[in-house]
């Protein structure tokens, strides 16, 4: 596992707030493990259902694509474990949401879901964590059967970015691991993904 810091505040003029965010990422037996740790002024959660507006809550995100692919996949997980994910070429181009069955294949870690009554919005410097372990076939955009029939190896590197955001916080923030050069917040920019060796 390697630890990365999400220290890019790409839109500092409009959104200067920067929580402390790091992510541990690495290959494990069941896939790619991604564990975020966040410490900020407030924590909020309104969404409990998958494919809901999790990015409005205290949220962490992992977007990636294989080096030989022209599509990417976005995984967005709020602080209580609700998730949305889709394969796409762009924010609104060729979007194919993962099925609920596919989302069910992703192991999630969200301790706040067991500790809090949802919805909640608390003001605290409490550190929270959320994470996921993603099966390799989902990273490649394949079904489990296709993965077994094609026999693809686990990738040794990917193009990706990691994010933390809270669109509906009193002090909204948008931070990333790799820098993004756009005039306003936009995480759906695969041209700014960076290579991560696994």
C-alpha atoms as a PDB file:
ATOM      1  CA  UNK A   1       0.000   0.000   0.000  1.00  0.00           C
ATOM      2  CA  UNK A   2       1.142   3.525  -0.707  1.00  0.00           C
ATOM      3  CA  UNK A   3      -0.116   6.725   0.905  1.00  0.00           C
ATOM      4  CA  UNK A   4      -0.893   9.810  -1.177  1.00  0.00           C
ATOM      5  CA  UNK A   5      -1.820  13.313  -0.076  1.00  0.00           C
ATOM      6  CA  UNK A   6      -4.734  15.165  -1.683  1.00  0.00           C
ATOM      7  CA  UNK A   7      -3.184  18.615  -1.504  1.00  0.00           C
ATOM      8  CA  UNK A   8      -4.263  20.290  -4.763  1.00  0.00           C
ATOM      9  CA  UNK A   9      -6.751  23.113  -4.198  1.00  0.00           C
ATOM     10  CA  UNK A  10      -7.389  23.809  -7.861  1.00  0.00           C
ATOM     11  CA  UNK A  11     -10.034  26.514  -7.448  1.00  0.00           C
ATOM     12  CA  UNK A  12      -8.598  28.384  -4.467  1.00  0.00           C
ATOM     13  CA  UNK A  13     -10.141  31.755  -5.330  1.00  0.00           C
ATOM     14  CA  UNK A  14     -13.730  30.492  -5.066  1.00  0.00           C
ATOM     15  CA  UNK A  15     -13.191  27.459  -2.808  1.00  0.00           C
ATOM     16  CA  UNK A  16     -10.141  28.082  -0.596  1.00  0.00           C
ATOM     17  CA  UNK A  17     -10.941  25.641   2.203  1.00  0.00           C
ATOM     18  CA  UNK A  18      -8.622  22.633   2.355  1.00  0.00           C
ATOM     19  CA  UNK A  19      -9.344  19.719   4.698  1.00  0.00           C
ATOM     20  CA  UNK A  20      -6.580  17.249   5.484  1.00  0.00           C
ATOM     21  CA  UNK A  21      -7.061  14.301   3.127  1.00  0.00           C
ATOM     22  CA  UNK A  22      -4.918  11.291   2.371  1.00  0.00           C
ATOM     23  CA  UNK A  23      -5.529   7.991   0.615  1.00  0.00           C
ATOM     24  CA  UNK A  24      -3.920   4.586   0.943  1.00  0.00           C
ATOM     25  CA  UNK A  25      -4.063   2.560  -2.252  1.00  0.00           C
ATOM     26  CA  UNK A  26      -2.706  -0.795  -3.325  1.00  0.00           C
ATOM     27  CA  UNK A  27      -3.448  -4.232  -4.686  1.00  0.00           C
ATOM     28  CA  UNK A  28      -4.844  -6.888  -2.360  1.00  0.00           C
ATOM     29  CA  UNK A  29      -6.052 -10.430  -3.075  1.00  0.00           C
ATOM     30  CA  UNK A  30      -9.589  -9.282  -3.896  1.00  0.00           C
ATOM     31  CA  UNK A  31      -8.718  -6.265  -6.035  1.00  0.00           C
ATOM     32  CA  UNK A  32      -7.675  -2.650  -5.638  1.00  0.00           C
ATOM     33  CA  UNK A  33      -8.026  -1.273  -2.104  1.00  0.00           C
ATOM     34  CA  UNK A  34      -8.593   2.465  -1.668  1.00  0.00           C
ATOM     35  CA  UNK A  35      -8.892   3.937   1.845  1.00  0.00           C
ATOM     36  CA  UNK A  36      -9.381   7.669   2.411  1.00  0.00           C
ATOM     37  CA  UNK A  37      -8.809   9.562   5.655  1.00  0.00           C
ATOM     38  CA  UNK A  38     -10.339  13.046   6.021  1.00  0.00           C
ATOM     39  CA  UNK A  39     -10.144  15.681   8.744  1.00  0.00           C
ATOM     40  CA  UNK A  40     -12.095  18.905   8.330  1.00  0.00           C
ATOM     41  CA  UNK A  41     -14.408  21.415   9.970  1.00  0.00           C
ATOM     42  CA  UNK A  42     -17.687  19.630   9.302  1.00  0.00           C
ATOM     43  CA  UNK A  43     -19.102  16.259   8.308  1.00  0.00           C
ATOM     44  CA  UNK A  44     -22.428  15.846   6.564  1.00  0.00           C
ATOM     45  CA  UNK A  45     -24.434  12.952   5.193  1.00  0.00           C
ATOM     46  CA  UNK A  46     -27.913  13.062   3.668  1.00  0.00           C
ATOM     47  CA  UNK A  47     -27.698  10.241   1.105  1.00  0.00           C
ATOM     48  CA  UNK A  48     -28.002   6.592   2.097  1.00  0.00           C
ATOM     49  CA  UNK A  49     -29.012   5.062  -1.259  1.00  0.00           C
ATOM     50  CA  UNK A  50     -26.662   4.006  -4.027  1.00  0.00           C
ATOM     51  CA  UNK A  51     -26.705   6.196  -7.141  1.00  0.00           C
ATOM     52  CA  UNK A  52     -27.879   9.180  -5.090  1.00  0.00           C
ATOM     53  CA  UNK A  53     -26.201  12.596  -4.866  1.00  0.00           C
ATOM     54  CA  UNK A  54     -23.339  11.426  -2.664  1.00  0.00           C
ATOM     55  CA  UNK A  55     -21.055  14.260  -3.841  1.00  0.00           C
ATOM     56  CA  UNK A  56     -23.262  16.749  -1.961  1.00  0.00           C
ATOM     57  CA  UNK A  57     -22.220  15.055   1.303  1.00  0.00           C
ATOM     58  CA  UNK A  58     -18.751  14.603   2.751  1.00  0.00           C
ATOM     59  CA  UNK A  59     -17.490  12.510  -0.129  1.00  0.00           C
ATOM     60  CA  UNK A  60     -14.351  10.843  -1.467  1.00  0.00           C
ATOM     61  CA  UNK A  61     -13.856   9.806  -5.051  1.00  0.00           C
ATOM     62  CA  UNK A  62     -11.582   7.696  -7.234  1.00  0.00           C
ATOM     63  CA  UNK A  63     -11.619   8.053 -11.030  1.00  0.00           C
ATOM     64  CA  UNK A  64      -9.450   5.810 -13.205  1.00  0.00           C
ATOM     65  CA  UNK A  65      -8.879   4.327 -16.619  1.00  0.00           C
ATOM     66  CA  UNK A  66      -6.655   1.628 -17.989  1.00  0.00           C
ATOM     67  CA  UNK A  67      -3.783   2.931 -20.159  1.00  0.00           C
ATOM     68  CA  UNK A  68      -5.210   1.165 -23.234  1.00  0.00           C
ATOM     69  CA  UNK A  69      -8.794   2.416 -22.756  1.00  0.00           C
ATOM     70  CA  UNK A  70     -10.602   5.549 -23.901  1.00  0.00           C
ATOM     71  CA  UNK A  71     -13.225   5.239 -21.173  1.00  0.00           C
ATOM     72  CA  UNK A  72     -12.871   5.817 -17.456  1.00  0.00           C
ATOM     73  CA  UNK A  73     -14.827   4.806 -14.396  1.00  0.00           C
ATOM     74  CA  UNK A  74     -15.745   7.035 -11.466  1.00  0.00           C
ATOM     75  CA  UNK A  75     -16.305   5.683  -7.957  1.00  0.00           C
ATOM     76  CA  UNK A  76     -17.873   8.196  -5.543  1.00  0.00           C
ATOM     77  CA  UNK A  77     -18.413   7.230  -1.900  1.00  0.00           C
ATOM     78  CA  UNK A  78     -19.875   9.383   0.846  1.00  0.00           C
ATOM     79  CA  UNK A  79     -18.877   9.198   4.494  1.00  0.00           C
ATOM     80  CA  UNK A  80     -21.612   6.671   5.348  1.00  0.00           C
ATOM     81  CA  UNK A  81     -20.928   4.290   2.468  1.00  0.00           C
ATOM     82  CA  UNK A  82     -23.498   5.285  -0.168  1.00  0.00           C
ATOM     83  CA  UNK A  83     -21.948   5.034  -3.607  1.00  0.00           C
ATOM     84  CA  UNK A  84     -22.394   5.913  -7.236  1.00  0.00           C
ATOM     85  CA  UNK A  85     -20.193   4.679 -10.063  1.00  0.00           C
ATOM     86  CA  UNK A  86     -20.286   4.706 -13.848  1.00  0.00           C
ATOM     87  CA  UNK A  87     -18.232   3.954 -16.918  1.00  0.00           C
ATOM     88  CA  UNK A  88     -18.048   6.877 -19.341  1.00  0.00           C
ATOM     89  CA  UNK A  89     -16.043   8.801 -21.921  1.00  0.00           C
ATOM     90  CA  UNK A  90     -16.866  12.154 -20.324  1.00  0.00           C
ATOM     91  CA  UNK A  91     -19.156  13.717 -17.760  1.00  0.00           C
ATOM     92  CA  UNK A  92     -22.169  13.403 -20.076  1.00  0.00           C
ATOM     93  CA  UNK A  93     -20.767  11.168 -22.821  1.00  0.00           C
ATOM     94  CA  UNK A  94     -21.525   7.433 -23.151  1.00  0.00           C
ATOM     95  CA  UNK A  95     -22.442   7.124 -19.476  1.00  0.00           C
ATOM     96  CA  UNK A  96     -23.221   3.613 -18.240  1.00  0.00           C
ATOM     97  CA  UNK A  97     -23.948   3.389 -14.512  1.00  0.00           C
ATOM     98  CA  UNK A  98     -22.815   0.270 -12.728  1.00  0.00           C
ATOM     99  CA  UNK A  99     -25.729  -1.966 -11.824  1.00  0.00           C
ATOM    100  CA  UNK A 100     -26.688  -2.420  -8.205  1.00  0.00           C
ATOM    101  CA  UNK A 101     -25.324  -5.961  -8.475  1.00  0.00           C
ATOM    102  CA  UNK A 102     -21.979  -4.596  -9.641  1.00  0.00           C
ATOM    103  CA  UNK A 103     -21.936  -2.036  -6.830  1.00  0.00           C
ATOM    104  CA  UNK A 104     -22.619  -4.941  -4.475  1.00  0.00           C
ATOM    105  CA  UNK A 105     -19.361  -6.562  -5.597  1.00  0.00           C
ATOM    106  CA  UNK A 106     -17.400  -3.603  -4.197  1.00  0.00           C
ATOM    107  CA  UNK A 107     -16.473  -4.063  -0.536  1.00  0.00           C
ATOM    108  CA  UNK A 108     -17.012  -0.802   1.334  1.00  0.00           C
ATOM    109  CA  UNK A 109     -15.684   0.555   4.591  1.00  0.00           C
ATOM    110  CA  UNK A 110     -17.575   3.406   6.287  1.00  0.00           C
ATOM    111  CA  UNK A 111     -17.506   3.332  10.107  1.00  0.00           C
ATOM    112  CA  UNK A 112     -19.664   6.467  10.380  1.00  0.00           C
ATOM    113  CA  UNK A 113     -22.618   4.481   9.033  1.00  0.00           C
ATOM    114  CA  UNK A 114     -22.600   2.482  12.285  1.00  0.00           C
ATOM    115  CA  UNK A 115     -21.939   5.427  14.611  1.00  0.00           C
ATOM    116  CA  UNK A 116     -24.389   8.079  13.423  1.00  0.00           C
ATOM    117  CA  UNK A 117     -28.083   8.652  12.829  1.00  0.00           C
ATOM    118  CA  UNK A 118     -28.498   9.734   9.224  1.00  0.00           C
ATOM    119  CA  UNK A 119     -29.018  12.432   8.015  1.00  0.00           C
ATOM    120  CA  UNK A 120     -26.514  14.429  10.042  1.00  0.00           C
ATOM    121  CA  UNK A 121     -24.427  17.591   9.773  1.00  0.00           C
ATOM    122  CA  UNK A 122     -21.914  18.052  12.557  1.00  0.00           C
ATOM    123  CA  UNK A 123     -19.182  20.609  13.144  1.00  0.00           C
ATOM    124  CA  UNK A 124     -16.087  18.877  14.396  1.00  0.00           C
ATOM    125  CA  UNK A 125     -12.449  18.231  13.644  1.00  0.00           C
ATOM    126  CA  UNK A 126     -13.213  14.511  13.902  1.00  0.00           C
ATOM    127  CA  UNK A 127     -11.221  12.411  11.439  1.00  0.00           C
ATOM    128  CA  UNK A 128     -13.344  10.032   9.375  1.00  0.00           C
ATOM    129  CA  UNK A 129     -12.497   7.263   6.950  1.00  0.00           C
ATOM    130  CA  UNK A 130     -14.187   5.658   3.986  1.00  0.00           C
ATOM    131  CA  UNK A 131     -12.886   3.120   1.545  1.00  0.00           C
ATOM    132  CA  UNK A 132     -13.566   0.439  -1.005  1.00  0.00           C
ATOM    133  CA  UNK A 133     -12.014  -2.648  -2.514  1.00  0.00           C
ATOM    134  CA  UNK A 134     -12.774  -2.858  -6.227  1.00  0.00           C
ATOM    135  CA  UNK A 135     -12.614  -6.211  -8.068  1.00  0.00           C
ATOM    136  CA  UNK A 136     -10.209  -6.061 -11.048  1.00  0.00           C
ATOM    137  CA  UNK A 137     -12.863  -6.914 -13.629  1.00  0.00           C
ATOM    138  CA  UNK A 138     -14.812  -3.756 -12.755  1.00  0.00           C
ATOM    139  CA  UNK A 139     -11.714  -1.653 -13.373  1.00  0.00           C
ATOM    140  CA  UNK A 140     -11.484  -3.169 -16.856  1.00  0.00           C
ATOM    141  CA  UNK A 141     -15.193  -2.700 -17.522  1.00  0.00           C
ATOM    142  CA  UNK A 142     -15.866  -6.424 -17.786  1.00  0.00           C
ATOM    143  CA  UNK A 143     -18.322  -8.790 -16.184  1.00  0.00           C
ATOM    144  CA  UNK A 144     -16.837 -11.418 -13.905  1.00  0.00           C
ATOM    145  CA  UNK A 145     -17.490 -14.089 -16.584  1.00  0.00           C
ATOM    146  CA  UNK A 146     -15.749 -11.980 -19.255  1.00  0.00           C
ATOM    147  CA  UNK A 147     -12.829 -11.416 -16.896  1.00  0.00           C
ATOM    148  CA  UNK A 148     -12.384 -15.156 -16.361  1.00  0.00           C
ATOM    149  CA  UNK A 149     -12.736 -15.963 -20.067  1.00  0.00           C
ATOM    150  CA  UNK A 150     -10.277 -13.276 -21.177  1.00  0.00           C
ATOM    151  CA  UNK A 151      -7.818 -14.061 -18.402  1.00  0.00           C
ATOM    152  CA  UNK A 152      -6.555 -10.504 -18.143  1.00  0.00           C
ATOM    153  CA  UNK A 153      -3.828  -9.858 -15.581  1.00  0.00           C
ATOM    154  CA  UNK A 154      -4.269  -7.406 -12.748  1.00  0.00           C
ATOM    155  CA  UNK A 155      -3.034  -4.007 -13.982  1.00  0.00           C
ATOM    156  CA  UNK A 156       0.381  -2.842 -12.777  1.00  0.00           C
ATOM    157  CA  UNK A 157      -0.398   0.824 -13.414  1.00  0.00           C
ATOM    158  CA  UNK A 158      -3.469   2.939 -14.030  1.00  0.00           C
ATOM    159  CA  UNK A 159      -4.255   6.517 -14.972  1.00  0.00           C
ATOM    160  CA  UNK A 160      -6.276   8.102 -12.197  1.00  0.00           C
ATOM    161  CA  UNK A 161      -7.069  10.870  -9.794  1.00  0.00           C
ATOM    162  CA  UNK A 162      -8.360  10.954  -6.229  1.00  0.00           C
ATOM    163  CA  UNK A 163     -10.713  13.603  -4.874  1.00  0.00           C
ATOM    164  CA  UNK A 164     -12.522  14.808  -1.784  1.00  0.00           C
ATOM    165  CA  UNK A 165     -15.471  17.168  -1.905  1.00  0.00           C
ATOM    166  CA  UNK A 166     -18.582  18.341  -0.092  1.00  0.00           C
ATOM    167  CA  UNK A 167     -20.754  20.377  -2.426  1.00  0.00           C
ATOM    168  CA  UNK A 168     -23.391  21.228   0.198  1.00  0.00           C
ATOM    169  CA  UNK A 169     -21.076  21.952   3.115  1.00  0.00           C
ATOM    170  CA  UNK A 170     -21.164  25.405   4.677  1.00  0.00           C
ATOM    171  CA  UNK A 171     -17.625  25.714   3.323  1.00  0.00           C
ATOM    172  CA  UNK A 172     -17.637  23.608   0.152  1.00  0.00           C
ATOM    173  CA  UNK A 173     -14.311  22.140  -0.898  1.00  0.00           C
ATOM    174  CA  UNK A 174     -12.879  20.378  -3.931  1.00  0.00           C
ATOM    175  CA  UNK A 175      -9.398  18.899  -3.504  1.00  0.00           C
ATOM    176  CA  UNK A 176      -7.472  16.428  -5.617  1.00  0.00           C
ATOM    177  CA  UNK A 177      -4.298  14.354  -5.729  1.00  0.00           C
ATOM    178  CA  UNK A 178      -3.246  15.384  -9.261  1.00  0.00           C
ATOM    179  CA  UNK A 179      -3.799  19.007 -10.334  1.00  0.00           C
ATOM    180  CA  UNK A 180      -6.708  19.972 -12.588  1.00  0.00           C
ATOM    181  CA  UNK A 181      -6.456  23.046 -14.809  1.00  0.00           C
ATOM    182  CA  UNK A 182     -10.050  24.129 -15.417  1.00  0.00           C
ATOM    183  CA  UNK A 183     -11.810  27.432 -14.603  1.00  0.00           C
ATOM    184  CA  UNK A 184     -14.329  25.830 -12.231  1.00  0.00           C
ATOM    185  CA  UNK A 185     -14.597  22.567 -10.270  1.00  0.00           C
ATOM    186  CA  UNK A 186     -14.764  19.592 -12.610  1.00  0.00           C
ATOM    187  CA  UNK A 187     -13.460  16.182 -11.597  1.00  0.00           C
ATOM    188  CA  UNK A 188     -14.615  14.569 -14.850  1.00  0.00           C
ATOM    189  CA  UNK A 189     -11.456  15.518 -16.707  1.00  0.00           C
ATOM    190  CA  UNK A 190      -9.502  12.373 -17.584  1.00  0.00           C
ATOM    191  CA  UNK A 191      -6.936  14.440 -19.469  1.00  0.00           C
ATOM    192  CA  UNK A 192      -5.589  15.414 -16.049  1.00  0.00           C
ATOM    193  CA  UNK A 193      -5.318  11.862 -14.690  1.00  0.00           C
ATOM    194  CA  UNK A 194      -1.818  10.880 -13.564  1.00  0.00           C
ATOM    195  CA  UNK A 195      -0.138   7.491 -13.744  1.00  0.00           C
ATOM    196  CA  UNK A 196      -0.142   5.458 -10.553  1.00  0.00           C
ATOM    197  CA  UNK A 197       2.054   2.377 -10.365  1.00  0.00           C
ATOM    198  CA  UNK A 198       0.458  -0.383  -8.300  1.00  0.00           C
END
